[in-house]
């Protein structure tokens, strides 16, 4: 009888230990993943989670250019390729290079010459089609004096204005800008507060 009681006690203790181990395994599985029942399934669930995608530098770049036109006694035809970078979906900054052909008929002699330069700009989209634009530019002009001799000078500009852009399919867009020079440098070849109109195309803006 004593042997039977001892054996029964051992079986009860052994059963309780097994129950405790089983409960611990179930609890661990629930903490790790409630829907997984085996370590293999847990690993498969972990692998199914897609990694977070980070925007690359190249994906935030956009490219384009504008064609500048100004007619009258002082005619300007300019080409301005640019590269921009989107800081946010609404804000962007960029660089631009410029080449211009000029014709000046305000004097007895007509002067024609080429100019070149570059600029830094920033844009902010108010609503998807409309944006404001500010740009600091330096242009090298071949200026003519009263004696008829030319002298090349670097002339600064601070343009401010607005533009309208429209998608033409995919990432391509066209835009129209009107800008005004806020500096009005004495060597500027333009009349005071002449507007600068430009039409541009690009990809990614």
C-alpha atoms as a PDB file:
ATOM      1  CA  UNK A   1       0.000   0.000   0.000  1.00  0.00           C
ATOM      2  CA  UNK A   2       2.822   2.348   0.824  1.00  0.00           C
ATOM      3  CA  UNK A   3       4.445   1.576  -2.529  1.00  0.00           C
ATOM      4  CA  UNK A   4       1.183   2.263  -4.354  1.00  0.00           C
ATOM      5  CA  UNK A   5       0.787   5.613  -2.542  1.00  0.00           C
ATOM      6  CA  UNK A   6       4.383   6.601  -3.365  1.00  0.00           C
ATOM      7  CA  UNK A   7       3.906   5.688  -7.041  1.00  0.00           C
ATOM      8  CA  UNK A   8       0.664   7.640  -7.194  1.00  0.00           C
ATOM      9  CA  UNK A   9       2.406  10.685  -5.680  1.00  0.00           C
ATOM     10  CA  UNK A  10       5.209  10.489  -8.235  1.00  0.00           C
ATOM     11  CA  UNK A  11       2.713  10.270 -11.116  1.00  0.00           C
ATOM     12  CA  UNK A  12       0.783  13.282  -9.822  1.00  0.00           C
ATOM     13  CA  UNK A  13       3.968  15.387  -9.467  1.00  0.00           C
ATOM     14  CA  UNK A  14       5.161  14.297 -12.920  1.00  0.00           C
ATOM     15  CA  UNK A  15       1.798  15.181 -14.468  1.00  0.00           C
ATOM     16  CA  UNK A  16       1.804  18.628 -12.875  1.00  0.00           C
ATOM     17  CA  UNK A  17       5.305  19.295 -14.236  1.00  0.00           C
ATOM     18  CA  UNK A  18       4.212  18.318 -17.742  1.00  0.00           C
ATOM     19  CA  UNK A  19       1.167  20.573 -17.498  1.00  0.00           C
ATOM     20  CA  UNK A  20       3.331  23.502 -16.372  1.00  0.00           C
ATOM     21  CA  UNK A  21       5.788  23.031 -19.258  1.00  0.00           C
ATOM     22  CA  UNK A  22       2.945  22.838 -21.781  1.00  0.00           C
ATOM     23  CA  UNK A  23       1.372  26.025 -20.399  1.00  0.00           C
ATOM     24  CA  UNK A  24       4.677  27.876 -20.633  1.00  0.00           C
ATOM     25  CA  UNK A  25       5.124  26.871 -24.298  1.00  0.00           C
ATOM     26  CA  UNK A  26       1.624  28.037 -25.194  1.00  0.00           C
ATOM     27  CA  UNK A  27       2.120  31.369 -23.401  1.00  0.00           C
ATOM     28  CA  UNK A  28       5.416  31.972 -25.220  1.00  0.00           C
ATOM     29  CA  UNK A  29       3.790  31.293 -28.582  1.00  0.00           C
ATOM     30  CA  UNK A  30       0.986  33.728 -27.788  1.00  0.00           C
ATOM     31  CA  UNK A  31       3.423  36.482 -26.893  1.00  0.00           C
ATOM     32  CA  UNK A  32       5.488  35.905 -30.027  1.00  0.00           C
ATOM     33  CA  UNK A  33       2.570  35.580 -32.427  1.00  0.00           C
ATOM     34  CA  UNK A  34      -0.985  34.533 -31.413  1.00  0.00           C
ATOM     35  CA  UNK A  35      -1.709  32.962 -34.805  1.00  0.00           C
ATOM     36  CA  UNK A  36       1.459  30.845 -35.045  1.00  0.00           C
ATOM     37  CA  UNK A  37       1.560  27.326 -33.566  1.00  0.00           C
ATOM     38  CA  UNK A  38       5.111  26.239 -34.389  1.00  0.00           C
ATOM     39  CA  UNK A  39       8.503  27.997 -34.585  1.00  0.00           C
ATOM     40  CA  UNK A  40       8.528  27.385 -38.372  1.00  0.00           C
ATOM     41  CA  UNK A  41       5.191  29.189 -38.786  1.00  0.00           C
ATOM     42  CA  UNK A  42       6.431  32.038 -36.589  1.00  0.00           C
ATOM     43  CA  UNK A  43       9.476  32.493 -38.836  1.00  0.00           C
ATOM     44  CA  UNK A  44       7.302  32.474 -41.982  1.00  0.00           C
ATOM     45  CA  UNK A  45       5.040  35.184 -40.517  1.00  0.00           C
ATOM     46  CA  UNK A  46       8.071  37.332 -39.679  1.00  0.00           C
ATOM     47  CA  UNK A  47       9.391  37.016 -43.260  1.00  0.00           C
ATOM     48  CA  UNK A  48       6.050  38.077 -44.745  1.00  0.00           C
ATOM     49  CA  UNK A  49       6.348  41.620 -43.327  1.00  0.00           C
ATOM     50  CA  UNK A  50       7.583  43.877 -46.173  1.00  0.00           C
ATOM     51  CA  UNK A  51      10.565  46.121 -45.370  1.00  0.00           C
ATOM     52  CA  UNK A  52       9.913  49.843 -45.120  1.00  0.00           C
ATOM     53  CA  UNK A  53      10.776  51.648 -48.359  1.00  0.00           C
ATOM     54  CA  UNK A  54      12.881  54.794 -48.035  1.00  0.00           C
ATOM     55  CA  UNK A  55      12.746  57.458 -50.752  1.00  0.00           C
ATOM     56  CA  UNK A  56      16.044  57.567 -52.611  1.00  0.00           C
ATOM     57  CA  UNK A  57      17.867  60.787 -53.509  1.00  0.00           C
ATOM     58  CA  UNK A  58      17.282  60.205 -57.232  1.00  0.00           C
ATOM     59  CA  UNK A  59      13.524  59.782 -56.762  1.00  0.00           C
ATOM     60  CA  UNK A  60      13.305  63.348 -55.376  1.00  0.00           C
ATOM     61  CA  UNK A  61      15.062  64.962 -58.345  1.00  0.00           C
ATOM     62  CA  UNK A  62      13.275  66.607 -61.237  1.00  0.00           C
ATOM     63  CA  UNK A  63      14.614  67.962 -64.512  1.00  0.00           C
ATOM     64  CA  UNK A  64      13.477  70.510 -67.024  1.00  0.00           C
ATOM     65  CA  UNK A  65      14.082  73.879 -68.512  1.00  0.00           C
ATOM     66  CA  UNK A  66      12.448  77.074 -69.615  1.00  0.00           C
ATOM     67  CA  UNK A  67      12.458  79.194 -72.733  1.00  0.00           C
ATOM     68  CA  UNK A  68      12.554  82.910 -71.957  1.00  0.00           C
ATOM     69  CA  UNK A  69      11.117  85.425 -74.389  1.00  0.00           C
ATOM     70  CA  UNK A  70      11.081  89.215 -74.254  1.00  0.00           C
ATOM     71  CA  UNK A  71      10.266  91.285 -77.340  1.00  0.00           C
ATOM     72  CA  UNK A  72      10.415  94.958 -78.199  1.00  0.00           C
ATOM     73  CA  UNK A  73      13.331  97.346 -78.523  1.00  0.00           C
ATOM     74  CA  UNK A  74      15.263  94.934 -76.305  1.00  0.00           C
ATOM     75  CA  UNK A  75      14.699  91.385 -77.518  1.00  0.00           C
ATOM     76  CA  UNK A  76      15.731  88.401 -75.434  1.00  0.00           C
ATOM     77  CA  UNK A  77      15.596  84.711 -76.302  1.00  0.00           C
ATOM     78  CA  UNK A  78      16.951  82.541 -73.499  1.00  0.00           C
ATOM     79  CA  UNK A  79      17.363  78.841 -72.747  1.00  0.00           C
ATOM     80  CA  UNK A  80      17.567  77.776 -69.087  1.00  0.00           C
ATOM     81  CA  UNK A  81      17.992  74.050 -68.248  1.00  0.00           C
ATOM     82  CA  UNK A  82      17.488  73.197 -64.580  1.00  0.00           C
ATOM     83  CA  UNK A  83      17.725  70.448 -61.951  1.00  0.00           C
ATOM     84  CA  UNK A  84      15.540  70.556 -58.848  1.00  0.00           C
ATOM     85  CA  UNK A  85      15.315  68.582 -55.610  1.00  0.00           C
ATOM     86  CA  UNK A  86      12.075  68.086 -53.659  1.00  0.00           C
ATOM     87  CA  UNK A  87      12.613  68.755 -49.939  1.00  0.00           C
ATOM     88  CA  UNK A  88       8.939  67.948 -49.336  1.00  0.00           C
ATOM     89  CA  UNK A  89       6.027  67.290 -51.716  1.00  0.00           C
ATOM     90  CA  UNK A  90       5.431  71.080 -51.752  1.00  0.00           C
ATOM     91  CA  UNK A  91       8.925  72.575 -51.345  1.00  0.00           C
ATOM     92  CA  UNK A  92      11.859  72.268 -53.721  1.00  0.00           C
ATOM     93  CA  UNK A  93      15.205  73.910 -54.473  1.00  0.00           C
ATOM     94  CA  UNK A  94      17.396  73.745 -57.538  1.00  0.00           C
ATOM     95  CA  UNK A  95      20.050  75.136 -59.850  1.00  0.00           C
ATOM     96  CA  UNK A  96      19.760  76.568 -63.322  1.00  0.00           C
ATOM     97  CA  UNK A  97      22.204  77.563 -66.066  1.00  0.00           C
ATOM     98  CA  UNK A  98      21.397  80.178 -68.677  1.00  0.00           C
ATOM     99  CA  UNK A  99      22.266  81.232 -72.209  1.00  0.00           C
ATOM    100  CA  UNK A 100      20.679  84.239 -73.887  1.00  0.00           C
ATOM    101  CA  UNK A 101      20.753  85.852 -77.296  1.00  0.00           C
ATOM    102  CA  UNK A 102      20.055  89.580 -77.122  1.00  0.00           C
ATOM    103  CA  UNK A 103      19.219  92.236 -79.703  1.00  0.00           C
ATOM    104  CA  UNK A 104      19.091  95.911 -78.674  1.00  0.00           C
ATOM    105  CA  UNK A 105      17.552  98.396 -81.142  1.00  0.00           C
ATOM    106  CA  UNK A 106      17.069 101.283 -78.713  1.00  0.00           C
ATOM    107  CA  UNK A 107      19.968 103.198 -80.268  1.00  0.00           C
ATOM    108  CA  UNK A 108      21.035 104.282 -83.724  1.00  0.00           C
ATOM    109  CA  UNK A 109      23.193 101.184 -83.963  1.00  0.00           C
ATOM    110  CA  UNK A 110      21.691  97.736 -83.323  1.00  0.00           C
ATOM    111  CA  UNK A 111      23.683  95.636 -80.876  1.00  0.00           C
ATOM    112  CA  UNK A 112      23.527  91.858 -80.757  1.00  0.00           C
ATOM    113  CA  UNK A 113      25.437  89.695 -78.302  1.00  0.00           C
ATOM    114  CA  UNK A 114      25.338  86.569 -76.146  1.00  0.00           C
ATOM    115  CA  UNK A 115      25.032  86.334 -72.374  1.00  0.00           C
ATOM    116  CA  UNK A 116      25.469  83.467 -69.921  1.00  0.00           C
ATOM    117  CA  UNK A 117      25.160  82.740 -66.223  1.00  0.00           C
ATOM    118  CA  UNK A 118      23.480  80.652 -63.548  1.00  0.00           C
ATOM    119  CA  UNK A 119      21.095  80.802 -60.617  1.00  0.00           C
ATOM    120  CA  UNK A 120      19.721  79.142 -57.479  1.00  0.00           C
ATOM    121  CA  UNK A 121      15.967  78.909 -56.998  1.00  0.00           C
ATOM    122  CA  UNK A 122      13.286  77.745 -54.571  1.00  0.00           C
ATOM    123  CA  UNK A 123       9.651  76.854 -55.240  1.00  0.00           C
ATOM    124  CA  UNK A 124       6.608  76.281 -53.078  1.00  0.00           C
ATOM    125  CA  UNK A 125       3.383  74.722 -54.345  1.00  0.00           C
ATOM    126  CA  UNK A 126       0.321  76.539 -53.028  1.00  0.00           C
ATOM    127  CA  UNK A 127      -2.037  74.069 -54.713  1.00  0.00           C
ATOM    128  CA  UNK A 128      -1.068  71.357 -57.243  1.00  0.00           C
ATOM    129  CA  UNK A 129      -1.172  73.614 -60.365  1.00  0.00           C
ATOM    130  CA  UNK A 130       0.113  76.871 -58.790  1.00  0.00           C
ATOM    131  CA  UNK A 131       3.479  77.638 -57.201  1.00  0.00           C
ATOM    132  CA  UNK A 132       5.501  80.653 -56.079  1.00  0.00           C
ATOM    133  CA  UNK A 133       9.092  81.039 -57.225  1.00  0.00           C
ATOM    134  CA  UNK A 134      12.119  82.980 -55.953  1.00  0.00           C
ATOM    135  CA  UNK A 135      15.510  82.933 -57.648  1.00  0.00           C
ATOM    136  CA  UNK A 136      18.906  84.577 -57.271  1.00  0.00           C
ATOM    137  CA  UNK A 137      20.771  84.842 -60.578  1.00  0.00           C
ATOM    138  CA  UNK A 138      24.064  86.176 -61.888  1.00  0.00           C
ATOM    139  CA  UNK A 139      24.340  86.964 -65.604  1.00  0.00           C
ATOM    140  CA  UNK A 140      27.425  88.007 -67.572  1.00  0.00           C
ATOM    141  CA  UNK A 141      26.428  90.751 -70.040  1.00  0.00           C
ATOM    142  CA  UNK A 142      28.452  92.322 -72.793  1.00  0.00           C
ATOM    143  CA  UNK A 143      27.457  95.932 -72.057  1.00  0.00           C
ATOM    144  CA  UNK A 144      28.075  98.772 -74.469  1.00  0.00           C
ATOM    145  CA  UNK A 145      29.088 102.215 -73.287  1.00  0.00           C
ATOM    146  CA  UNK A 146      28.474 105.661 -74.836  1.00  0.00           C
ATOM    147  CA  UNK A 147      31.708 105.301 -76.783  1.00  0.00           C
ATOM    148  CA  UNK A 148      30.383 102.196 -78.520  1.00  0.00           C
ATOM    149  CA  UNK A 149      32.876  99.889 -76.820  1.00  0.00           C
ATOM    150  CA  UNK A 150      31.733  96.783 -74.973  1.00  0.00           C
ATOM    151  CA  UNK A 151      32.599  95.791 -71.441  1.00  0.00           C
ATOM    152  CA  UNK A 152      31.509  92.486 -69.935  1.00  0.00           C
ATOM    153  CA  UNK A 153      29.928  92.781 -66.489  1.00  0.00           C
ATOM    154  CA  UNK A 154      28.295  90.357 -64.034  1.00  0.00           C
ATOM    155  CA  UNK A 155      24.809  91.613 -63.163  1.00  0.00           C
ATOM    156  CA  UNK A 156      22.819  90.237 -60.173  1.00  0.00           C
ATOM    157  CA  UNK A 157      19.051  89.604 -60.202  1.00  0.00           C
ATOM    158  CA  UNK A 158      16.582  88.557 -57.536  1.00  0.00           C
ATOM    159  CA  UNK A 159      13.505  87.234 -59.299  1.00  0.00           C
ATOM    160  CA  UNK A 160      10.182  86.651 -57.561  1.00  0.00           C
ATOM    161  CA  UNK A 161       6.868  85.610 -58.990  1.00  0.00           C
ATOM    162  CA  UNK A 162       4.580  82.685 -59.647  1.00  0.00           C
ATOM    163  CA  UNK A 163       3.971  79.904 -62.108  1.00  0.00           C
ATOM    164  CA  UNK A 164       1.330  77.514 -63.346  1.00  0.00           C
ATOM    165  CA  UNK A 165       2.191  73.876 -64.120  1.00  0.00           C
ATOM    166  CA  UNK A 166       0.109  71.233 -65.844  1.00  0.00           C
ATOM    167  CA  UNK A 167       0.723  67.510 -66.240  1.00  0.00           C
ATOM    168  CA  UNK A 168       0.778  66.264 -69.812  1.00  0.00           C
ATOM    169  CA  UNK A 169       0.952  62.552 -68.975  1.00  0.00           C
ATOM    170  CA  UNK A 170       3.095  60.425 -66.684  1.00  0.00           C
ATOM    171  CA  UNK A 171       5.695  62.564 -64.929  1.00  0.00           C
ATOM    172  CA  UNK A 172       5.951  65.143 -67.730  1.00  0.00           C
ATOM    173  CA  UNK A 173       4.698  68.672 -67.203  1.00  0.00           C
ATOM    174  CA  UNK A 174       4.633  72.121 -68.798  1.00  0.00           C
ATOM    175  CA  UNK A 175       4.725  75.379 -66.880  1.00  0.00           C
ATOM    176  CA  UNK A 176       4.357  79.111 -67.462  1.00  0.00           C
ATOM    177  CA  UNK A 177       6.091  81.639 -65.189  1.00  0.00           C
ATOM    178  CA  UNK A 178       6.020  85.391 -64.728  1.00  0.00           C
ATOM    179  CA  UNK A 179       8.809  86.908 -62.615  1.00  0.00           C
ATOM    180  CA  UNK A 180       9.942  90.397 -61.580  1.00  0.00           C
ATOM    181  CA  UNK A 181      13.450  91.529 -60.653  1.00  0.00           C
ATOM    182  CA  UNK A 182      13.545  92.949 -57.108  1.00  0.00           C
ATOM    183  CA  UNK A 183      17.143  94.230 -57.217  1.00  0.00           C
ATOM    184  CA  UNK A 184      16.935  96.563 -60.219  1.00  0.00           C
ATOM    185  CA  UNK A 185      20.741  96.740 -60.540  1.00  0.00           C
ATOM    186  CA  UNK A 186      22.021  99.809 -62.384  1.00  0.00           C
ATOM    187  CA  UNK A 187      23.743  97.598 -64.962  1.00  0.00           C
ATOM    188  CA  UNK A 188      20.596  95.624 -65.726  1.00  0.00           C
ATOM    189  CA  UNK A 189      19.788  95.899 -69.427  1.00  0.00           C
ATOM    190  CA  UNK A 190      16.029  95.833 -68.730  1.00  0.00           C
ATOM    191  CA  UNK A 191      13.616  98.652 -68.044  1.00  0.00           C
ATOM    192  CA  UNK A 192      12.509  98.965 -64.428  1.00  0.00           C
ATOM    193  CA  UNK A 193       9.995  96.316 -63.376  1.00  0.00           C
ATOM    194  CA  UNK A 194       9.737  94.689 -66.785  1.00  0.00           C
ATOM    195  CA  UNK A 195       8.039  91.293 -66.341  1.00  0.00           C
ATOM    196  CA  UNK A 196       9.953  88.165 -67.355  1.00  0.00           C
ATOM    197  CA  UNK A 197       7.747  85.566 -69.044  1.00  0.00           C
ATOM    198  CA  UNK A 198       8.926  81.993 -69.616  1.00  0.00           C
ATOM    199  CA  UNK A 199       7.482  78.688 -70.810  1.00  0.00           C
ATOM    200  CA  UNK A 200       9.061  75.444 -69.617  1.00  0.00           C
ATOM    201  CA  UNK A 201       8.882  71.676 -69.776  1.00  0.00           C
ATOM    202  CA  UNK A 202      10.191  69.044 -67.392  1.00  0.00           C
ATOM    203  CA  UNK A 203       9.968  65.600 -65.813  1.00  0.00           C
ATOM    204  CA  UNK A 204       9.136  64.843 -62.183  1.00  0.00           C
ATOM    205  CA  UNK A 205       8.070  68.262 -60.842  1.00  0.00           C
END
